[in-house]
Amino acid sequence: NLKPEDTAVYYCNADVRTSVAVLREDYW
């Protein structure tokens, strides 16, 4: 049920740990 106001660039985001020794980091 998309509306004209939904028009945008949609970005994916994920909080990722690349190893057990590091904190999570945002990726886009």
mmCIF file of all heavy atoms, coordinates in Angstrom:
data_MODEL
# 
_entry.id   MODEL 
# 
loop_
_atom_site.group_PDB 
_atom_site.id 
_atom_site.type_symbol 
_atom_site.label_atom_id 
_atom_site.label_alt_id 
_atom_site.label_comp_id 
_atom_site.label_asym_id 
_atom_site.label_entity_id 
_atom_site.label_seq_id 
_atom_site.pdbx_PDB_ins_code 
_atom_site.Cartn_x 
_atom_site.Cartn_y 
_atom_site.Cartn_z 
_atom_site.occupancy 
_atom_site.B_iso_or_equiv 
_atom_site.pdbx_formal_charge 
_atom_site.auth_seq_id 
_atom_site.auth_comp_id 
_atom_site.auth_asym_id 
_atom_site.auth_atom_id 
_atom_site.pdbx_PDB_model_num 
ATOM 1   N N   . ASN A 1 1  ? 0.828  -1.208  0.000  1.00 0.00 ? 1  ASN A N   1 
ATOM 2   C CA  . ASN A 1 1  ? 0.000  0.000   0.000  1.00 0.00 ? 1  ASN A CA  1 
ATOM 3   C C   . ASN A 1 1  ? 0.860  1.256   0.000  1.00 0.00 ? 1  ASN A C   1 
ATOM 4   O O   . ASN A 1 1  ? 0.687  2.159   0.820  1.00 0.00 ? 1  ASN A O   1 
ATOM 5   C CB  . ASN A 1 1  ? -0.937 -0.013  1.209  1.00 0.00 ? 1  ASN A CB  1 
ATOM 6   C CG  . ASN A 1 1  ? -2.005 1.060   1.127  1.00 0.00 ? 1  ASN A CG  1 
ATOM 7   O OD1 . ASN A 1 1  ? -2.359 1.523   0.044  1.00 0.00 ? 1  ASN A OD1 1 
ATOM 8   N ND2 . ASN A 1 1  ? -2.526 1.467   2.279  1.00 0.00 ? 1  ASN A ND2 1 
ATOM 9   N N   . LEU A 1 2  ? 1.775  1.305   -0.932 1.00 0.00 ? 2  LEU A N   1 
ATOM 10  C CA  . LEU A 1 2  ? 2.724  2.412   -0.979 1.00 0.00 ? 2  LEU A CA  1 
ATOM 11  C C   . LEU A 1 2  ? 2.043  3.730   -1.305 1.00 0.00 ? 2  LEU A C   1 
ATOM 12  O O   . LEU A 1 2  ? 1.082  3.786   -2.073 1.00 0.00 ? 2  LEU A O   1 
ATOM 13  C CB  . LEU A 1 2  ? 3.811  2.116   -2.004 1.00 0.00 ? 2  LEU A CB  1 
ATOM 14  C CG  . LEU A 1 2  ? 4.872  1.119   -1.523 1.00 0.00 ? 2  LEU A CG  1 
ATOM 15  C CD1 . LEU A 1 2  ? 5.634  0.533   -2.700 1.00 0.00 ? 2  LEU A CD1 1 
ATOM 16  C CD2 . LEU A 1 2  ? 5.835  1.803   -0.557 1.00 0.00 ? 2  LEU A CD2 1 
ATOM 17  N N   . LYS A 1 3  ? 2.571  4.779   -0.703 1.00 0.00 ? 3  LYS A N   1 
ATOM 18  C CA  . LYS A 1 3  ? 2.081  6.125   -0.884 1.00 0.00 ? 3  LYS A CA  1 
ATOM 19  C C   . LYS A 1 3  ? 3.185  6.997   -1.469 1.00 0.00 ? 3  LYS A C   1 
ATOM 20  O O   . LYS A 1 3  ? 4.364  6.699   -1.297 1.00 0.00 ? 3  LYS A O   1 
ATOM 21  C CB  . LYS A 1 3  ? 1.627  6.714   0.455  1.00 0.00 ? 3  LYS A CB  1 
ATOM 22  C CG  . LYS A 1 3  ? 0.577  5.892   1.173  1.00 0.00 ? 3  LYS A CG  1 
ATOM 23  C CD  . LYS A 1 3  ? 0.263  6.492   2.539  1.00 0.00 ? 3  LYS A CD  1 
ATOM 24  C CE  . LYS A 1 3  ? -0.781 5.676   3.266  1.00 0.00 ? 3  LYS A CE  1 
ATOM 25  N NZ  . LYS A 1 3  ? -1.075 6.251   4.610  1.00 0.00 ? 3  LYS A NZ  1 
ATOM 26  N N   . PRO A 1 4  ? 2.820  8.088   -2.151 1.00 0.00 ? 4  PRO A N   1 
ATOM 27  C CA  . PRO A 1 4  ? 3.859  8.981   -2.686 1.00 0.00 ? 4  PRO A CA  1 
ATOM 28  C C   . PRO A 1 4  ? 4.839  9.463   -1.615 1.00 0.00 ? 4  PRO A C   1 
ATOM 29  O O   . PRO A 1 4  ? 6.026  9.655   -1.914 1.00 0.00 ? 4  PRO A O   1 
ATOM 30  C CB  . PRO A 1 4  ? 3.051  10.143  -3.269 1.00 0.00 ? 4  PRO A CB  1 
ATOM 31  C CG  . PRO A 1 4  ? 1.756  9.517   -3.673 1.00 0.00 ? 4  PRO A CG  1 
ATOM 32  C CD  . PRO A 1 4  ? 1.479  8.491   -2.605 1.00 0.00 ? 4  PRO A CD  1 
ATOM 33  N N   . GLU A 1 5  ? 4.383  9.634   -0.392 1.00 0.00 ? 5  GLU A N   1 
ATOM 34  C CA  . GLU A 1 5  ? 5.247  10.080  0.687  1.00 0.00 ? 5  GLU A CA  1 
ATOM 35  C C   . GLU A 1 5  ? 6.276  9.042   1.099  1.00 0.00 ? 5  GLU A C   1 
ATOM 36  O O   . GLU A 1 5  ? 7.189  9.348   1.866  1.00 0.00 ? 5  GLU A O   1 
ATOM 37  C CB  . GLU A 1 5  ? 4.407  10.479  1.907  1.00 0.00 ? 5  GLU A CB  1 
ATOM 38  C CG  . GLU A 1 5  ? 3.592  9.331   2.493  1.00 0.00 ? 5  GLU A CG  1 
ATOM 39  C CD  . GLU A 1 5  ? 2.370  9.816   3.255  1.00 0.00 ? 5  GLU A CD  1 
ATOM 40  O OE1 . GLU A 1 5  ? 1.517  10.476  2.623  1.00 0.00 ? 5  GLU A OE1 1 
ATOM 41  O OE2 . GLU A 1 5  ? 2.274  9.552   4.466  1.00 0.00 ? 5  GLU A OE2 1 
ATOM 42  N N   . ASP A 1 6  ? 6.148  7.815   0.598  1.00 0.00 ? 6  ASP A N   1 
ATOM 43  C CA  . ASP A 1 6  ? 7.145  6.786   0.853  1.00 0.00 ? 6  ASP A CA  1 
ATOM 44  C C   . ASP A 1 6  ? 8.345  6.902   -0.074 1.00 0.00 ? 6  ASP A C   1 
ATOM 45  O O   . ASP A 1 6  ? 9.324  6.173   0.101  1.00 0.00 ? 6  ASP A O   1 
ATOM 46  C CB  . ASP A 1 6  ? 6.535  5.391   0.696  1.00 0.00 ? 6  ASP A CB  1 
ATOM 47  C CG  . ASP A 1 6  ? 5.450  5.107   1.720  1.00 0.00 ? 6  ASP A CG  1 
ATOM 48  O OD1 . ASP A 1 6  ? 5.640  5.460   2.899  1.00 0.00 ? 6  ASP A OD1 1 
ATOM 49  O OD2 . ASP A 1 6  ? 4.422  4.518   1.340  1.00 0.00 ? 6  ASP A OD2 1 
ATOM 50  N N   . THR A 1 7  ? 8.267  7.773   -1.059 1.00 0.00 ? 7  THR A N   1 
ATOM 51  C CA  . THR A 1 7  ? 9.361  7.950   -1.999 1.00 0.00 ? 7  THR A CA  1 
ATOM 52  C C   . THR A 1 7  ? 10.618 8.405   -1.265 1.00 0.00 ? 7  THR A C   1 
ATOM 53  O O   . THR A 1 7  ? 10.613 9.411   -0.559 1.00 0.00 ? 7  THR A O   1 
ATOM 54  C CB  . THR A 1 7  ? 8.995  8.971   -3.080 1.00 0.00 ? 7  THR A CB  1 
ATOM 55  O OG1 . THR A 1 7  ? 7.902  8.477   -3.857 1.00 0.00 ? 7  THR A OG1 1 
ATOM 56  C CG2 . THR A 1 7  ? 10.181 9.236   -4.005 1.00 0.00 ? 7  THR A CG2 1 
ATOM 57  N N   . ALA A 1 8  ? 11.688 7.649   -1.432 1.00 0.00 ? 8  ALA A N   1 
ATOM 58  C CA  . ALA A 1 8  ? 12.937 7.932   -0.734 1.00 0.00 ? 8  ALA A CA  1 
ATOM 59  C C   . ALA A 1 8  ? 13.985 6.924   -1.177 1.00 0.00 ? 8  ALA A C   1 
ATOM 60  O O   . ALA A 1 8  ? 13.681 5.932   -1.841 1.00 0.00 ? 8  ALA A O   1 
ATOM 61  C CB  . ALA A 1 8  ? 12.747 7.850   0.787  1.00 0.00 ? 8  ALA A CB  1 
ATOM 62  N N   . VAL A 1 9  ? 15.214 7.189   -0.778 1.00 0.00 ? 9  VAL A N   1 
ATOM 63  C CA  . VAL A 1 9  ? 16.256 6.183   -0.858 1.00 0.00 ? 9  VAL A CA  1 
ATOM 64  C C   . VAL A 1 9  ? 16.209 5.380   0.428  1.00 0.00 ? 9  VAL A C   1 
ATOM 65  O O   . VAL A 1 9  ? 16.262 5.947   1.523  1.00 0.00 ? 9  VAL A O   1 
ATOM 66  C CB  . VAL A 1 9  ? 17.652 6.805   -1.057 1.00 0.00 ? 9  VAL A CB  1 
ATOM 67  C CG1 . VAL A 1 9  ? 18.722 5.714   -1.069 1.00 0.00 ? 9  VAL A CG1 1 
ATOM 68  C CG2 . VAL A 1 9  ? 17.701 7.599   -2.354 1.00 0.00 ? 9  VAL A CG2 1 
ATOM 69  N N   . TYR A 1 10 ? 16.100 4.076   0.307  1.00 0.00 ? 10 TYR A N   1 
ATOM 70  C CA  . TYR A 1 10 ? 16.008 3.197   1.455  1.00 0.00 ? 10 TYR A CA  1 
ATOM 71  C C   . TYR A 1 10 ? 17.367 2.565   1.717  1.00 0.00 ? 10 TYR A C   1 
ATOM 72  O O   . TYR A 1 10 ? 17.979 1.981   0.819  1.00 0.00 ? 10 TYR A O   1 
ATOM 73  C CB  . TYR A 1 10 ? 14.947 2.123   1.220  1.00 0.00 ? 10 TYR A CB  1 
ATOM 74  C CG  . TYR A 1 10 ? 13.551 2.644   1.379  1.00 0.00 ? 10 TYR A CG  1 
ATOM 75  C CD1 . TYR A 1 10 ? 13.013 3.529   0.446  1.00 0.00 ? 10 TYR A CD1 1 
ATOM 76  C CD2 . TYR A 1 10 ? 12.761 2.277   2.471  1.00 0.00 ? 10 TYR A CD2 1 
ATOM 77  C CE1 . TYR A 1 10 ? 11.734 4.038   0.604  1.00 0.00 ? 10 TYR A CE1 1 
ATOM 78  C CE2 . TYR A 1 10 ? 11.486 2.775   2.629  1.00 0.00 ? 10 TYR A CE2 1 
ATOM 79  C CZ  . TYR A 1 10 ? 10.978 3.656   1.699  1.00 0.00 ? 10 TYR A CZ  1 
ATOM 80  O OH  . TYR A 1 10 ? 9.701  4.155   1.855  1.00 0.00 ? 10 TYR A OH  1 
ATOM 81  N N   . TYR A 1 11 ? 17.830 2.690   2.958  1.00 0.00 ? 11 TYR A N   1 
ATOM 82  C CA  . TYR A 1 11 ? 19.141 2.212   3.360  1.00 0.00 ? 11 TYR A CA  1 
ATOM 83  C C   . TYR A 1 11 ? 19.016 1.076   4.365  1.00 0.00 ? 11 TYR A C   1 
ATOM 84  O O   . TYR A 1 11 ? 18.219 1.150   5.302  1.00 0.00 ? 11 TYR A O   1 
ATOM 85  C CB  . TYR A 1 11 ? 19.961 3.331   3.999  1.00 0.00 ? 11 TYR A CB  1 
ATOM 86  C CG  . TYR A 1 11 ? 20.301 4.472   3.069  1.00 0.00 ? 11 TYR A CG  1 
ATOM 87  C CD1 . TYR A 1 11 ? 19.480 5.586   2.973  1.00 0.00 ? 11 TYR A CD1 1 
ATOM 88  C CD2 . TYR A 1 11 ? 21.456 4.436   2.297  1.00 0.00 ? 11 TYR A CD2 1 
ATOM 89  C CE1 . TYR A 1 11 ? 19.790 6.634   2.128  1.00 0.00 ? 11 TYR A CE1 1 
ATOM 90  C CE2 . TYR A 1 11 ? 21.774 5.478   1.450  1.00 0.00 ? 11 TYR A CE2 1 
ATOM 91  C CZ  . TYR A 1 11 ? 20.938 6.581   1.374  1.00 0.00 ? 11 TYR A CZ  1 
ATOM 92  O OH  . TYR A 1 11 ? 21.254 7.622   0.537  1.00 0.00 ? 11 TYR A OH  1 
ATOM 93  N N   . CYS A 1 12 ? 19.818 0.078   4.178  1.00 0.00 ? 12 CYS A N   1 
ATOM 94  C CA  . CYS A 1 12 ? 19.912 -1.030  5.106  1.00 0.00 ? 12 CYS A CA  1 
ATOM 95  C C   . CYS A 1 12 ? 20.981 -0.733  6.147  1.00 0.00 ? 12 CYS A C   1 
ATOM 96  O O   . CYS A 1 12 ? 22.026 -0.151  5.836  1.00 0.00 ? 12 CYS A O   1 
ATOM 97  C CB  . CYS A 1 12 ? 20.251 -2.312  4.345  1.00 0.00 ? 12 CYS A CB  1 
ATOM 98  S SG  . CYS A 1 12 ? 20.476 -3.775  5.370  1.00 0.00 ? 12 CYS A SG  1 
ATOM 99  N N   . ASN A 1 13 ? 20.721 -1.133  7.384  1.00 0.00 ? 13 ASN A N   1 
ATOM 100 C CA  . ASN A 1 13 ? 21.657 -0.937  8.481  1.00 0.00 ? 13 ASN A CA  1 
ATOM 101 C C   . ASN A 1 13 ? 21.805 -2.233  9.268  1.00 0.00 ? 13 ASN A C   1 
ATOM 102 O O   . ASN A 1 13 ? 20.840 -2.985  9.429  1.00 0.00 ? 13 ASN A O   1 
ATOM 103 C CB  . ASN A 1 13 ? 21.169 0.183   9.397  1.00 0.00 ? 13 ASN A CB  1 
ATOM 104 C CG  . ASN A 1 13 ? 21.984 0.301   10.673 1.00 0.00 ? 13 ASN A CG  1 
ATOM 105 O OD1 . ASN A 1 13 ? 21.596 -0.215  11.721 1.00 0.00 ? 13 ASN A OD1 1 
ATOM 106 N ND2 . ASN A 1 13 ? 23.120 0.981   10.580 1.00 0.00 ? 13 ASN A ND2 1 
ATOM 107 N N   . ALA A 1 14 ? 23.006 -2.471  9.763  1.00 0.00 ? 14 ALA A N   1 
ATOM 108 C CA  . ALA A 1 14 ? 23.244 -3.643  10.592 1.00 0.00 ? 14 ALA A CA  1 
ATOM 109 C C   . ALA A 1 14 ? 24.297 -3.344  11.636 1.00 0.00 ? 14 ALA A C   1 
ATOM 110 O O   . ALA A 1 14 ? 25.288 -2.661  11.349 1.00 0.00 ? 14 ALA A O   1 
ATOM 111 C CB  . ALA A 1 14 ? 23.684 -4.837  9.738  1.00 0.00 ? 14 ALA A CB  1 
ATOM 112 N N   . ASP A 1 15 ? 24.072 -3.841  12.846 1.00 0.00 ? 15 ASP A N   1 
ATOM 113 C CA  . ASP A 1 15 ? 25.057 -3.772  13.920 1.00 0.00 ? 15 ASP A CA  1 
ATOM 114 C C   . ASP A 1 15 ? 25.842 -5.073  13.901 1.00 0.00 ? 15 ASP A C   1 
ATOM 115 O O   . ASP A 1 15 ? 25.294 -6.137  14.186 1.00 0.00 ? 15 ASP A O   1 
ATOM 116 C CB  . ASP A 1 15 ? 24.384 -3.577  15.273 1.00 0.00 ? 15 ASP A CB  1 
ATOM 117 C CG  . ASP A 1 15 ? 23.699 -2.231  15.396 1.00 0.00 ? 15 ASP A CG  1 
ATOM 118 O OD1 . ASP A 1 15 ? 24.160 -1.273  14.754 1.00 0.00 ? 15 ASP A OD1 1 
ATOM 119 O OD2 . ASP A 1 15 ? 22.702 -2.141  16.142 1.00 0.00 ? 15 ASP A OD2 1 
ATOM 120 N N   . VAL A 1 16 ? 27.128 -4.967  13.585 1.00 0.00 ? 16 VAL A N   1 
ATOM 121 C CA  . VAL A 1 16 ? 27.928 -6.141  13.285 1.00 0.00 ? 16 VAL A CA  1 
ATOM 122 C C   . VAL A 1 16 ? 29.166 -6.193  14.171 1.00 0.00 ? 16 VAL A C   1 
ATOM 123 O O   . VAL A 1 16 ? 29.832 -5.182  14.382 1.00 0.00 ? 16 VAL A O   1 
ATOM 124 C CB  . VAL A 1 16 ? 28.370 -6.150  11.804 1.00 0.00 ? 16 VAL A CB  1 
ATOM 125 C CG1 . VAL A 1 16 ? 29.182 -7.403  11.500 1.00 0.00 ? 16 VAL A CG1 1 
ATOM 126 C CG2 . VAL A 1 16 ? 27.164 -6.065  10.888 1.00 0.00 ? 16 VAL A CG2 1 
ATOM 127 N N   . ARG A 1 17 ? 29.457 -7.378  14.686 1.00 0.00 ? 17 ARG A N   1 
ATOM 128 C CA  . ARG A 1 17 ? 30.750 -7.666  15.292 1.00 0.00 ? 17 ARG A CA  1 
ATOM 129 C C   . ARG A 1 17 ? 31.570 -8.455  14.295 1.00 0.00 ? 17 ARG A C   1 
ATOM 130 O O   . ARG A 1 17 ? 31.123 -9.489  13.788 1.00 0.00 ? 17 ARG A O   1 
ATOM 131 C CB  . ARG A 1 17 ? 30.597 -8.464  16.579 1.00 0.00 ? 17 ARG A CB  1 
ATOM 132 C CG  . ARG A 1 17 ? 29.879 -7.735  17.697 1.00 0.00 ? 17 ARG A CG  1 
ATOM 133 C CD  . ARG A 1 17 ? 29.807 -8.583  18.955 1.00 0.00 ? 17 ARG A CD  1 
ATOM 134 N NE  . ARG A 1 17 ? 31.097 -8.670  19.626 1.00 0.00 ? 17 ARG A NE  1 
ATOM 135 C CZ  . ARG A 1 17 ? 31.300 -9.343  20.755 1.00 0.00 ? 17 ARG A CZ  1 
ATOM 136 N NH1 . ARG A 1 17 ? 30.302 -9.992  21.325 1.00 0.00 ? 17 ARG A NH1 1 
ATOM 137 N NH2 . ARG A 1 17 ? 32.513 -9.362  21.303 1.00 0.00 ? 17 ARG A NH2 1 
ATOM 138 N N   . THR A 1 18 ? 32.768 -7.972  14.002 1.00 0.00 ? 18 THR A N   1 
ATOM 139 C CA  . THR A 1 18 ? 33.644 -8.657  13.065 1.00 0.00 ? 18 THR A CA  1 
ATOM 140 C C   . THR A 1 18 ? 34.510 -9.705  13.754 1.00 0.00 ? 18 THR A C   1 
ATOM 141 O O   . THR A 1 18 ? 35.108 -10.546 13.079 1.00 0.00 ? 18 THR A O   1 
ATOM 142 C CB  . THR A 1 18 ? 34.538 -7.663  12.312 1.00 0.00 ? 18 THR A CB  1 
ATOM 143 O OG1 . THR A 1 18 ? 35.275 -6.870  13.254 1.00 0.00 ? 18 THR A OG1 1 
ATOM 144 C CG2 . THR A 1 18 ? 33.681 -6.736  11.456 1.00 0.00 ? 18 THR A CG2 1 
ATOM 145 N N   . SER A 1 19 ? 34.586 -9.654  15.070 1.00 0.00 ? 19 SER A N   1 
ATOM 146 C CA  . SER A 1 19 ? 35.250 -10.681 15.854 1.00 0.00 ? 19 SER A CA  1 
ATOM 147 C C   . SER A 1 19 ? 34.739 -10.599 17.281 1.00 0.00 ? 19 SER A C   1 
ATOM 148 O O   . SER A 1 19 ? 34.109 -9.619  17.679 1.00 0.00 ? 19 SER A O   1 
ATOM 149 C CB  . SER A 1 19 ? 36.777 -10.539 15.822 1.00 0.00 ? 19 SER A CB  1 
ATOM 150 O OG  . SER A 1 19 ? 37.214 -9.515  16.695 1.00 0.00 ? 19 SER A OG  1 
ATOM 151 N N   . VAL A 1 20 ? 35.030 -11.622 18.074 1.00 0.00 ? 20 VAL A N   1 
ATOM 152 C CA  . VAL A 1 20 ? 34.581 -11.659 19.455 1.00 0.00 ? 20 VAL A CA  1 
ATOM 153 C C   . VAL A 1 20 ? 35.267 -10.595 20.296 1.00 0.00 ? 20 VAL A C   1 
ATOM 154 O O   . VAL A 1 20 ? 34.767 -10.227 21.365 1.00 0.00 ? 20 VAL A O   1 
ATOM 155 C CB  . VAL A 1 20 ? 34.802 -13.061 20.053 1.00 0.00 ? 20 VAL A CB  1 
ATOM 156 C CG1 . VAL A 1 20 ? 36.296 -13.325 20.246 1.00 0.00 ? 20 VAL A CG1 1 
ATOM 157 C CG2 . VAL A 1 20 ? 34.050 -13.228 21.362 1.00 0.00 ? 20 VAL A CG2 1 
ATOM 158 N N   . ALA A 1 21 ? 36.386 -10.068 19.838 1.00 0.00 ? 21 ALA A N   1 
ATOM 159 C CA  . ALA A 1 21 ? 37.192 -9.136  20.611 1.00 0.00 ? 21 ALA A CA  1 
ATOM 160 C C   . ALA A 1 21 ? 36.813 -7.671  20.417 1.00 0.00 ? 21 ALA A C   1 
ATOM 161 O O   . ALA A 1 21 ? 37.406 -6.798  21.054 1.00 0.00 ? 21 ALA A O   1 
ATOM 162 C CB  . ALA A 1 21 ? 38.672 -9.320  20.274 1.00 0.00 ? 21 ALA A CB  1 
ATOM 163 N N   . VAL A 1 22 ? 35.852 -7.380  19.551 1.00 0.00 ? 22 VAL A N   1 
ATOM 164 C CA  . VAL A 1 22 ? 35.508 -6.001  19.263 1.00 0.00 ? 22 VAL A CA  1 
ATOM 165 C C   . VAL A 1 22 ? 34.043 -5.737  19.563 1.00 0.00 ? 22 VAL A C   1 
ATOM 166 O O   . VAL A 1 22 ? 33.222 -6.646  19.614 1.00 0.00 ? 22 VAL A O   1 
ATOM 167 C CB  . VAL A 1 22 ? 35.821 -5.627  17.797 1.00 0.00 ? 22 VAL A CB  1 
ATOM 168 C CG1 . VAL A 1 22 ? 37.302 -5.805  17.509 1.00 0.00 ? 22 VAL A CG1 1 
ATOM 169 C CG2 . VAL A 1 22 ? 34.982 -6.469  16.841 1.00 0.00 ? 22 VAL A CG2 1 
ATOM 170 N N   . LEU A 1 23 ? 33.733 -4.452  19.746 1.00 0.00 ? 23 LEU A N   1 
ATOM 171 C CA  . LEU A 1 23 ? 32.358 -4.030  19.944 1.00 0.00 ? 23 LEU A CA  1 
ATOM 172 C C   . LEU A 1 23 ? 31.608 -4.021  18.619 1.00 0.00 ? 23 LEU A C   1 
ATOM 173 O O   . LEU A 1 23 ? 32.201 -4.039  17.547 1.00 0.00 ? 23 LEU A O   1 
ATOM 174 C CB  . LEU A 1 23 ? 32.320 -2.633  20.566 1.00 0.00 ? 23 LEU A CB  1 
ATOM 175 C CG  . LEU A 1 23 ? 32.918 -2.479  21.959 1.00 0.00 ? 23 LEU A CG  1 
ATOM 176 C CD1 . LEU A 1 23 ? 32.928 -1.009  22.360 1.00 0.00 ? 23 LEU A CD1 1 
ATOM 177 C CD2 . LEU A 1 23 ? 32.135 -3.301  22.976 1.00 0.00 ? 23 LEU A CD2 1 
ATOM 178 N N   . ARG A 1 24 ? 30.292 -3.982  18.715 1.00 0.00 ? 24 ARG A N   1 
ATOM 179 C CA  . ARG A 1 24 ? 29.479 -3.868  17.519 1.00 0.00 ? 24 ARG A CA  1 
ATOM 180 C C   . ARG A 1 24 ? 29.710 -2.523  16.847 1.00 0.00 ? 24 ARG A C   1 
ATOM 181 O O   . ARG A 1 24 ? 29.981 -1.518  17.498 1.00 0.00 ? 24 ARG A O   1 
ATOM 182 C CB  . ARG A 1 24 ? 27.997 -4.022  17.848 1.00 0.00 ? 24 ARG A CB  1 
ATOM 183 C CG  . ARG A 1 24 ? 27.602 -5.402  18.334 1.00 0.00 ? 24 ARG A CG  1 
ATOM 184 C CD  . ARG A 1 24 ? 26.088 -5.533  18.381 1.00 0.00 ? 24 ARG A CD  1 
ATOM 185 N NE  . ARG A 1 24 ? 25.491 -4.589  19.313 1.00 0.00 ? 24 ARG A NE  1 
ATOM 186 C CZ  . ARG A 1 24 ? 25.284 -4.846  20.590 1.00 0.00 ? 24 ARG A CZ  1 
ATOM 187 N NH1 . ARG A 1 24 ? 25.619 -6.026  21.100 1.00 0.00 ? 24 ARG A NH1 1 
ATOM 188 N NH2 . ARG A 1 24 ? 24.733 -3.919  21.364 1.00 0.00 ? 24 ARG A NH2 1 
ATOM 189 N N   . GLU A 1 25 ? 29.583 -2.523  15.541 1.00 0.00 ? 25 GLU A N   1 
ATOM 190 C CA  . GLU A 1 25 ? 29.743 -1.320  14.747 1.00 0.00 ? 25 GLU A CA  1 
ATOM 191 C C   . GLU A 1 25 ? 28.643 -1.263  13.692 1.00 0.00 ? 25 GLU A C   1 
ATOM 192 O O   . GLU A 1 25 ? 28.264 -2.286  13.132 1.00 0.00 ? 25 GLU A O   1 
ATOM 193 C CB  . GLU A 1 25 ? 31.121 -1.287  14.080 1.00 0.00 ? 25 GLU A CB  1 
ATOM 194 C CG  . GLU A 1 25 ? 31.417 -0.025  13.288 1.00 0.00 ? 25 GLU A CG  1 
ATOM 195 C CD  . GLU A 1 25 ? 32.816 -0.012  12.716 1.00 0.00 ? 25 GLU A CD  1 
ATOM 196 O OE1 . GLU A 1 25 ? 33.631 -0.854  13.131 1.00 0.00 ? 25 GLU A OE1 1 
ATOM 197 O OE2 . GLU A 1 25 ? 33.093 0.844   11.854 1.00 0.00 ? 25 GLU A OE2 1 
ATOM 198 N N   . ASP A 1 26 ? 28.139 -0.067  13.444 1.00 0.00 ? 26 ASP A N   1 
ATOM 199 C CA  . ASP A 1 26 ? 27.096 0.118   12.441 1.00 0.00 ? 26 ASP A CA  1 
ATOM 200 C C   . ASP A 1 26 ? 27.669 0.085   11.037 1.00 0.00 ? 26 ASP A C   1 
ATOM 201 O O   . ASP A 1 26 ? 28.692 0.709   10.747 1.00 0.00 ? 26 ASP A O   1 
ATOM 202 C CB  . ASP A 1 26 ? 26.377 1.453   12.644 1.00 0.00 ? 26 ASP A CB  1 
ATOM 203 C CG  . ASP A 1 26 ? 25.439 1.449   13.825 1.00 0.00 ? 26 ASP A CG  1 
ATOM 204 O OD1 . ASP A 1 26 ? 25.029 0.359   14.262 1.00 0.00 ? 26 ASP A OD1 1 
ATOM 205 O OD2 . ASP A 1 26 ? 25.115 2.551   14.305 1.00 0.00 ? 26 ASP A OD2 1 
ATOM 206 N N   . TYR A 1 27 ? 26.988 -0.636  10.163 1.00 0.00 ? 27 TYR A N   1 
ATOM 207 C CA  . TYR A 1 27 ? 27.325 -0.662  8.751  1.00 0.00 ? 27 TYR A CA  1 
ATOM 208 C C   . TYR A 1 27 ? 26.088 -0.290  7.950  1.00 0.00 ? 27 TYR A C   1 
ATOM 209 O O   . TYR A 1 27 ? 24.958 -0.592  8.342  1.00 0.00 ? 27 TYR A O   1 
ATOM 210 C CB  . TYR A 1 27 ? 27.841 -2.042  8.326  1.00 0.00 ? 27 TYR A CB  1 
ATOM 211 C CG  . TYR A 1 27 ? 29.208 -2.365  8.873  1.00 0.00 ? 27 TYR A CG  1 
ATOM 212 C CD1 . TYR A 1 27 ? 29.351 -2.936  10.134 1.00 0.00 ? 27 TYR A CD1 1 
ATOM 213 C CD2 . TYR A 1 27 ? 30.354 -2.085  8.139  1.00 0.00 ? 27 TYR A CD2 1 
ATOM 214 C CE1 . TYR A 1 27 ? 30.601 -3.219  10.647 1.00 0.00 ? 27 TYR A CE1 1 
ATOM 215 C CE2 . TYR A 1 27 ? 31.604 -2.370  8.646  1.00 0.00 ? 27 TYR A CE2 1 
ATOM 216 C CZ  . TYR A 1 27 ? 31.722 -2.935  9.902  1.00 0.00 ? 27 TYR A CZ  1 
ATOM 217 O OH  . TYR A 1 27 ? 32.974 -3.216  10.407 1.00 0.00 ? 27 TYR A OH  1 
ATOM 218 N N   . TRP A 1 28 ? 26.331 0.351   6.818  1.00 0.00 ? 28 TRP A N   1 
ATOM 219 C CA  . TRP A 1 28 ? 25.250 0.850   5.973  1.00 0.00 ? 28 TRP A CA  1 
ATOM 220 C C   . TRP A 1 28 ? 25.422 0.382   4.541  1.00 0.00 ? 28 TRP A C   1 
ATOM 221 O O   . TRP A 1 28 ? 26.538 0.288   4.030  1.00 0.00 ? 28 TRP A O   1 
ATOM 222 C CB  . TRP A 1 28 ? 25.211 2.379   5.979  1.00 0.00 ? 28 TRP A CB  1 
ATOM 223 C CG  . TRP A 1 28 ? 24.850 2.965   7.303  1.00 0.00 ? 28 TRP A CG  1 
ATOM 224 C CD1 . TRP A 1 28 ? 25.690 3.267   8.323  1.00 0.00 ? 28 TRP A CD1 1 
ATOM 225 C CD2 . TRP A 1 28 ? 23.535 3.317   7.740  1.00 0.00 ? 28 TRP A CD2 1 
ATOM 226 N NE1 . TRP A 1 28 ? 24.991 3.794   9.376  1.00 0.00 ? 28 TRP A NE1 1 
ATOM 227 C CE2 . TRP A 1 28 ? 23.675 3.833   9.053  1.00 0.00 ? 28 TRP A CE2 1 
ATOM 228 C CE3 . TRP A 1 28 ? 22.273 3.253   7.157  1.00 0.00 ? 28 TRP A CE3 1 
ATOM 229 C CZ2 . TRP A 1 28 ? 22.572 4.282   9.787  1.00 0.00 ? 28 TRP A CZ2 1 
ATOM 230 C CZ3 . TRP A 1 28 ? 21.176 3.690   7.883  1.00 0.00 ? 28 TRP A CZ3 1 
ATOM 231 C CH2 . TRP A 1 28 ? 21.337 4.202   9.188  1.00 0.00 ? 28 TRP A CH2 1 
# 
